[in-house]
C-alpha cells in the first residue's frame, strides 16, 4: 500500500517540530530521571512510581514516533490560487438560513481544529468546498442532514 502525504501548513509543521524537539530534549530526560529515582527506592516489582514512569516513557516514545512519521510524510500546503477553494485557503461561507457568515481554513486532518475555524479537507464541509469558487452554492451532507452553503470569499 502506497503511503500518502500528510498535509501541513508551514505553521503546523513548525508546531510539530517544536513539540518533537521538546519531547526529545526535555521530556525524555525528565522521564528517565523518574525511572531512575523509582529504581533507587528499591524493589520495582511493586513500585507504583516505577510503573507510572514506565507508562509515561511508553507514551512519550510513542508520541515521538508518531511525530517523526508525520513530519517525514509531510506535504507542505503552499499558498494557492484564490480563484477556487483549495488546501490552505480561508473561505468565508454563508449557510442557507444562517445568521452570519463563517470563515474556515481548509487544512489537513493533523491540524484540524473546528473550534479555531480550521477544518480538515477530509471533513464533510471541507471536502465539499474544495474546488468551488466565489458565488457557488455547495450542498454538504452532514450528520444533521443536507446543509447548503454559498461561498462568499476565498483568501
C-alpha atoms as a PDB file:
ATOM      1  CA  UNK A   1       0.000   0.000   0.000  1.00  0.00           C
ATOM      2  CA  UNK A   2       1.479   3.355  -1.018  1.00  0.00           C
ATOM      3  CA  UNK A   3       1.850   5.986   1.661  1.00  0.00           C
ATOM      4  CA  UNK A   4       0.006   9.235   1.123  1.00  0.00           C
ATOM      5  CA  UNK A   5       1.346  12.570   2.241  1.00  0.00           C
ATOM      6  CA  UNK A   6       0.129  14.272   5.382  1.00  0.00           C
ATOM      7  CA  UNK A   7      -0.929  17.822   4.553  1.00  0.00           C
ATOM      8  CA  UNK A   8       0.506  20.518   6.837  1.00  0.00           C
ATOM      9  CA  UNK A   9       0.762  24.277   6.739  1.00  0.00           C
ATOM     10  CA  UNK A  10       4.188  25.773   7.438  1.00  0.00           C
ATOM     11  CA  UNK A  11       2.829  26.895  10.816  1.00  0.00           C
ATOM     12  CA  UNK A  12       1.573  23.398  11.584  1.00  0.00           C
ATOM     13  CA  UNK A  13       4.883  21.811  10.658  1.00  0.00           C
ATOM     14  CA  UNK A  14       6.675  24.302  12.894  1.00  0.00           C
ATOM     15  CA  UNK A  15       4.456  23.426  15.866  1.00  0.00           C
ATOM     16  CA  UNK A  16       5.031  19.703  15.367  1.00  0.00           C
ATOM     17  CA  UNK A  17       8.794  20.243  15.080  1.00  0.00           C
ATOM     18  CA  UNK A  18       8.758  22.262  18.322  1.00  0.00           C
ATOM     19  CA  UNK A  19       6.804  19.529  20.116  1.00  0.00           C
ATOM     20  CA  UNK A  20       9.213  16.860  18.838  1.00  0.00           C
ATOM     21  CA  UNK A  21      12.246  18.860  19.963  1.00  0.00           C
ATOM     22  CA  UNK A  22      10.698  19.330  23.425  1.00  0.00           C
ATOM     23  CA  UNK A  23       9.945  15.623  23.762  1.00  0.00           C
ATOM     24  CA  UNK A  24      13.446  14.638  22.626  1.00  0.00           C
ATOM     25  CA  UNK A  25      15.376  17.123  24.749  1.00  0.00           C
ATOM     26  CA  UNK A  26      13.234  17.738  27.843  1.00  0.00           C
ATOM     27  CA  UNK A  27      10.516  15.121  28.402  1.00  0.00           C
ATOM     28  CA  UNK A  28      12.714  12.103  27.657  1.00  0.00           C
ATOM     29  CA  UNK A  29      15.238  13.279  30.257  1.00  0.00           C
ATOM     30  CA  UNK A  30      12.527  14.006  32.832  1.00  0.00           C
ATOM     31  CA  UNK A  31      11.015  10.545  32.415  1.00  0.00           C
ATOM     32  CA  UNK A  32      14.434   8.872  32.592  1.00  0.00           C
ATOM     33  CA  UNK A  33      15.071  10.699  35.881  1.00  0.00           C
ATOM     34  CA  UNK A  34      11.729   9.487  37.271  1.00  0.00           C
ATOM     35  CA  UNK A  35      12.550   5.905  36.292  1.00  0.00           C
ATOM     36  CA  UNK A  36      15.992   6.126  37.887  1.00  0.00           C
ATOM     37  CA  UNK A  37      14.554   7.671  41.046  1.00  0.00           C
ATOM     38  CA  UNK A  38      11.911   4.949  41.298  1.00  0.00           C
ATOM     39  CA  UNK A  39      14.576   2.246  40.840  1.00  0.00           C
ATOM     40  CA  UNK A  40      16.550   3.727  43.716  1.00  0.00           C
ATOM     41  CA  UNK A  41      13.545   3.238  46.002  1.00  0.00           C
ATOM     42  CA  UNK A  42      14.183  -0.487  45.927  1.00  0.00           C
ATOM     43  CA  UNK A  43      12.092  -3.408  44.702  1.00  0.00           C
ATOM     44  CA  UNK A  44      10.479  -2.361  41.392  1.00  0.00           C
ATOM     45  CA  UNK A  45       8.032  -5.265  41.263  1.00  0.00           C
ATOM     46  CA  UNK A  46       5.519  -3.448  43.475  1.00  0.00           C
ATOM     47  CA  UNK A  47       6.618   0.131  42.870  1.00  0.00           C
ATOM     48  CA  UNK A  48       3.780   2.321  41.592  1.00  0.00           C
ATOM     49  CA  UNK A  49       6.117   5.240  40.818  1.00  0.00           C
ATOM     50  CA  UNK A  50       8.235   2.971  38.630  1.00  0.00           C
ATOM     51  CA  UNK A  51       5.180   1.568  36.824  1.00  0.00           C
ATOM     52  CA  UNK A  52       3.826   5.065  36.214  1.00  0.00           C
ATOM     53  CA  UNK A  53       7.193   6.315  34.942  1.00  0.00           C
ATOM     54  CA  UNK A  54       7.473   3.362  32.534  1.00  0.00           C
ATOM     55  CA  UNK A  55       3.948   4.041  31.229  1.00  0.00           C
ATOM     56  CA  UNK A  56       4.855   7.685  30.770  1.00  0.00           C
ATOM     57  CA  UNK A  57       8.019   6.650  28.939  1.00  0.00           C
ATOM     58  CA  UNK A  58       5.980   4.475  26.569  1.00  0.00           C
ATOM     59  CA  UNK A  59       3.615   7.382  25.874  1.00  0.00           C
ATOM     60  CA  UNK A  60       6.473   9.825  25.188  1.00  0.00           C
ATOM     61  CA  UNK A  61       8.273   7.363  22.907  1.00  0.00           C
ATOM     62  CA  UNK A  62       5.030   6.617  21.037  1.00  0.00           C
ATOM     63  CA  UNK A  63       4.370  10.327  20.527  1.00  0.00           C
ATOM     64  CA  UNK A  64       7.944  10.837  19.293  1.00  0.00           C
ATOM     65  CA  UNK A  65       7.489   8.060  16.738  1.00  0.00           C
ATOM     66  CA  UNK A  66       4.145   9.486  15.602  1.00  0.00           C
ATOM     67  CA  UNK A  67       5.590  12.982  15.181  1.00  0.00           C
ATOM     68  CA  UNK A  68       8.630  11.691  13.284  1.00  0.00           C
ATOM     69  CA  UNK A  69       6.361   9.742  10.923  1.00  0.00           C
ATOM     70  CA  UNK A  70       4.066  12.729  10.395  1.00  0.00           C
ATOM     71  CA  UNK A  71       6.972  15.070   9.666  1.00  0.00           C
ATOM     72  CA  UNK A  72       8.625  12.536   7.342  1.00  0.00           C
ATOM     73  CA  UNK A  73       5.409  12.218   5.318  1.00  0.00           C
ATOM     74  CA  UNK A  74       4.513  15.921   5.459  1.00  0.00           C
ATOM     75  CA  UNK A  75       3.412  17.660   2.301  1.00  0.00           C
ATOM     76  CA  UNK A  76       3.510  21.400   2.871  1.00  0.00           C
ATOM     77  CA  UNK A  77       0.422  23.281   1.772  1.00  0.00           C
ATOM     78  CA  UNK A  78       1.535  26.111  -0.481  1.00  0.00           C
ATOM     79  CA  UNK A  79      -0.356  29.356  -0.832  1.00  0.00           C
ATOM     80  CA  UNK A  80      -2.587  28.710  -3.775  1.00  0.00           C
ATOM     81  CA  UNK A  81      -4.979  30.423  -6.057  1.00  0.00           C
ATOM     82  CA  UNK A  82      -7.803  32.469  -4.617  1.00  0.00           C
ATOM     83  CA  UNK A  83      -9.929  31.564  -7.640  1.00  0.00           C
ATOM     84  CA  UNK A  84     -11.163  28.344  -6.068  1.00  0.00           C
ATOM     85  CA  UNK A  85     -11.122  26.667  -2.669  1.00  0.00           C
ATOM     86  CA  UNK A  86      -8.037  24.562  -2.076  1.00  0.00           C
ATOM     87  CA  UNK A  87      -5.910  23.313   0.794  1.00  0.00           C
ATOM     88  CA  UNK A  88      -4.736  26.199   2.939  1.00  0.00           C
ATOM     89  CA  UNK A  89      -7.448  28.560   1.715  1.00  0.00           C
ATOM     90  CA  UNK A  90      -9.519  30.644   4.083  1.00  0.00           C
ATOM     91  CA  UNK A  91     -13.050  30.510   2.790  1.00  0.00           C
ATOM     92  CA  UNK A  92     -15.987  32.535   4.035  1.00  0.00           C
ATOM     93  CA  UNK A  93     -19.377  30.918   3.569  1.00  0.00           C
ATOM     94  CA  UNK A  94     -22.956  31.666   4.476  1.00  0.00           C
ATOM     95  CA  UNK A  95     -25.215  28.792   5.379  1.00  0.00           C
ATOM     96  CA  UNK A  96     -28.693  28.997   3.896  1.00  0.00           C
ATOM     97  CA  UNK A  97     -30.888  30.300   6.707  1.00  0.00           C
ATOM     98  CA  UNK A  98     -27.820  31.149   8.794  1.00  0.00           C
ATOM     99  CA  UNK A  99     -27.418  34.294  10.865  1.00  0.00           C
ATOM    100  CA  UNK A 100     -23.857  35.242   9.981  1.00  0.00           C
ATOM    101  CA  UNK A 101     -21.064  34.204   7.622  1.00  0.00           C
ATOM    102  CA  UNK A 102     -18.458  31.755   8.890  1.00  0.00           C
ATOM    103  CA  UNK A 103     -14.807  31.589   7.861  1.00  0.00           C
ATOM    104  CA  UNK A 104     -12.864  28.344   7.738  1.00  0.00           C
ATOM    105  CA  UNK A 105      -9.319  27.482   6.808  1.00  0.00           C
ATOM    106  CA  UNK A 106      -9.065  24.195   4.928  1.00  0.00           C
ATOM    107  CA  UNK A 107      -6.166  22.204   6.412  1.00  0.00           C
ATOM    108  CA  UNK A 108      -5.004  18.594   6.633  1.00  0.00           C
ATOM    109  CA  UNK A 109      -6.520  16.353   9.291  1.00  0.00           C
ATOM    110  CA  UNK A 110      -3.499  16.668  11.624  1.00  0.00           C
ATOM    111  CA  UNK A 111      -4.093  20.413  12.039  1.00  0.00           C
ATOM    112  CA  UNK A 112      -7.888  20.408  12.072  1.00  0.00           C
ATOM    113  CA  UNK A 113      -9.421  22.281  14.993  1.00  0.00           C
ATOM    114  CA  UNK A 114     -13.027  23.297  14.307  1.00  0.00           C
ATOM    115  CA  UNK A 115     -13.118  25.461  17.455  1.00  0.00           C
ATOM    116  CA  UNK A 116     -10.488  27.650  15.780  1.00  0.00           C
ATOM    117  CA  UNK A 117     -12.099  27.595  12.343  1.00  0.00           C
ATOM    118  CA  UNK A 118      -9.604  25.069  10.934  1.00  0.00           C
ATOM    119  CA  UNK A 119     -11.448  22.232   9.214  1.00  0.00           C
ATOM    120  CA  UNK A 120      -9.993  19.169   7.565  1.00  0.00           C
ATOM    121  CA  UNK A 121     -10.021  18.666   3.832  1.00  0.00           C
ATOM    122  CA  UNK A 122     -11.456  15.228   4.708  1.00  0.00           C
ATOM    123  CA  UNK A 123     -14.401  16.590   6.739  1.00  0.00           C
ATOM    124  CA  UNK A 124     -17.794  16.759   5.025  1.00  0.00           C
ATOM    125  CA  UNK A 125     -17.725  20.567   4.735  1.00  0.00           C
ATOM    126  CA  UNK A 126     -14.038  20.779   3.817  1.00  0.00           C
ATOM    127  CA  UNK A 127     -14.359  18.070   1.167  1.00  0.00           C
ATOM    128  CA  UNK A 128     -17.486  19.657  -0.315  1.00  0.00           C
ATOM    129  CA  UNK A 129     -15.946  23.141  -0.537  1.00  0.00           C
ATOM    130  CA  UNK A 130     -12.766  22.041  -2.363  1.00  0.00           C
ATOM    131  CA  UNK A 131     -12.668  23.258  -5.956  1.00  0.00           C
ATOM    132  CA  UNK A 132     -15.585  25.698  -5.632  1.00  0.00           C
ATOM    133  CA  UNK A 133     -15.472  29.391  -6.460  1.00  0.00           C
ATOM    134  CA  UNK A 134     -16.935  32.599  -5.046  1.00  0.00           C
ATOM    135  CA  UNK A 135     -20.681  32.614  -5.650  1.00  0.00           C
ATOM    136  CA  UNK A 136     -21.028  28.828  -5.822  1.00  0.00           C
ATOM    137  CA  UNK A 137     -23.646  27.137  -3.700  1.00  0.00           C
ATOM    138  CA  UNK A 138     -22.435  23.920  -2.135  1.00  0.00           C
ATOM    139  CA  UNK A 139     -24.599  21.139  -0.717  1.00  0.00           C
ATOM    140  CA  UNK A 140     -22.992  19.305   2.199  1.00  0.00           C
ATOM    141  CA  UNK A 141     -24.178  16.024   3.627  1.00  0.00           C
ATOM    142  CA  UNK A 142     -23.743  16.251   7.405  1.00  0.00           C
ATOM    143  CA  UNK A 143     -24.929  14.033  10.246  1.00  0.00           C
ATOM    144  CA  UNK A 144     -27.783  16.515  10.748  1.00  0.00           C
ATOM    145  CA  UNK A 145     -28.863  16.340   7.103  1.00  0.00           C
ATOM    146  CA  UNK A 146     -28.088  18.326   3.967  1.00  0.00           C
ATOM    147  CA  UNK A 147     -26.791  21.872   4.512  1.00  0.00           C
ATOM    148  CA  UNK A 148     -26.343  24.471   1.787  1.00  0.00           C
ATOM    149  CA  UNK A 149     -23.519  26.994   1.833  1.00  0.00           C
ATOM    150  CA  UNK A 150     -22.738  29.858  -0.506  1.00  0.00           C
ATOM    151  CA  UNK A 151     -19.053  30.710  -0.983  1.00  0.00           C
ATOM    152  CA  UNK A 152     -18.650  34.435  -0.245  1.00  0.00           C
ATOM    153  CA  UNK A 153     -14.881  34.856  -0.427  1.00  0.00           C
ATOM    154  CA  UNK A 154     -11.628  32.932  -0.745  1.00  0.00           C
ATOM    155  CA  UNK A 155      -8.302  34.111   0.663  1.00  0.00           C
END
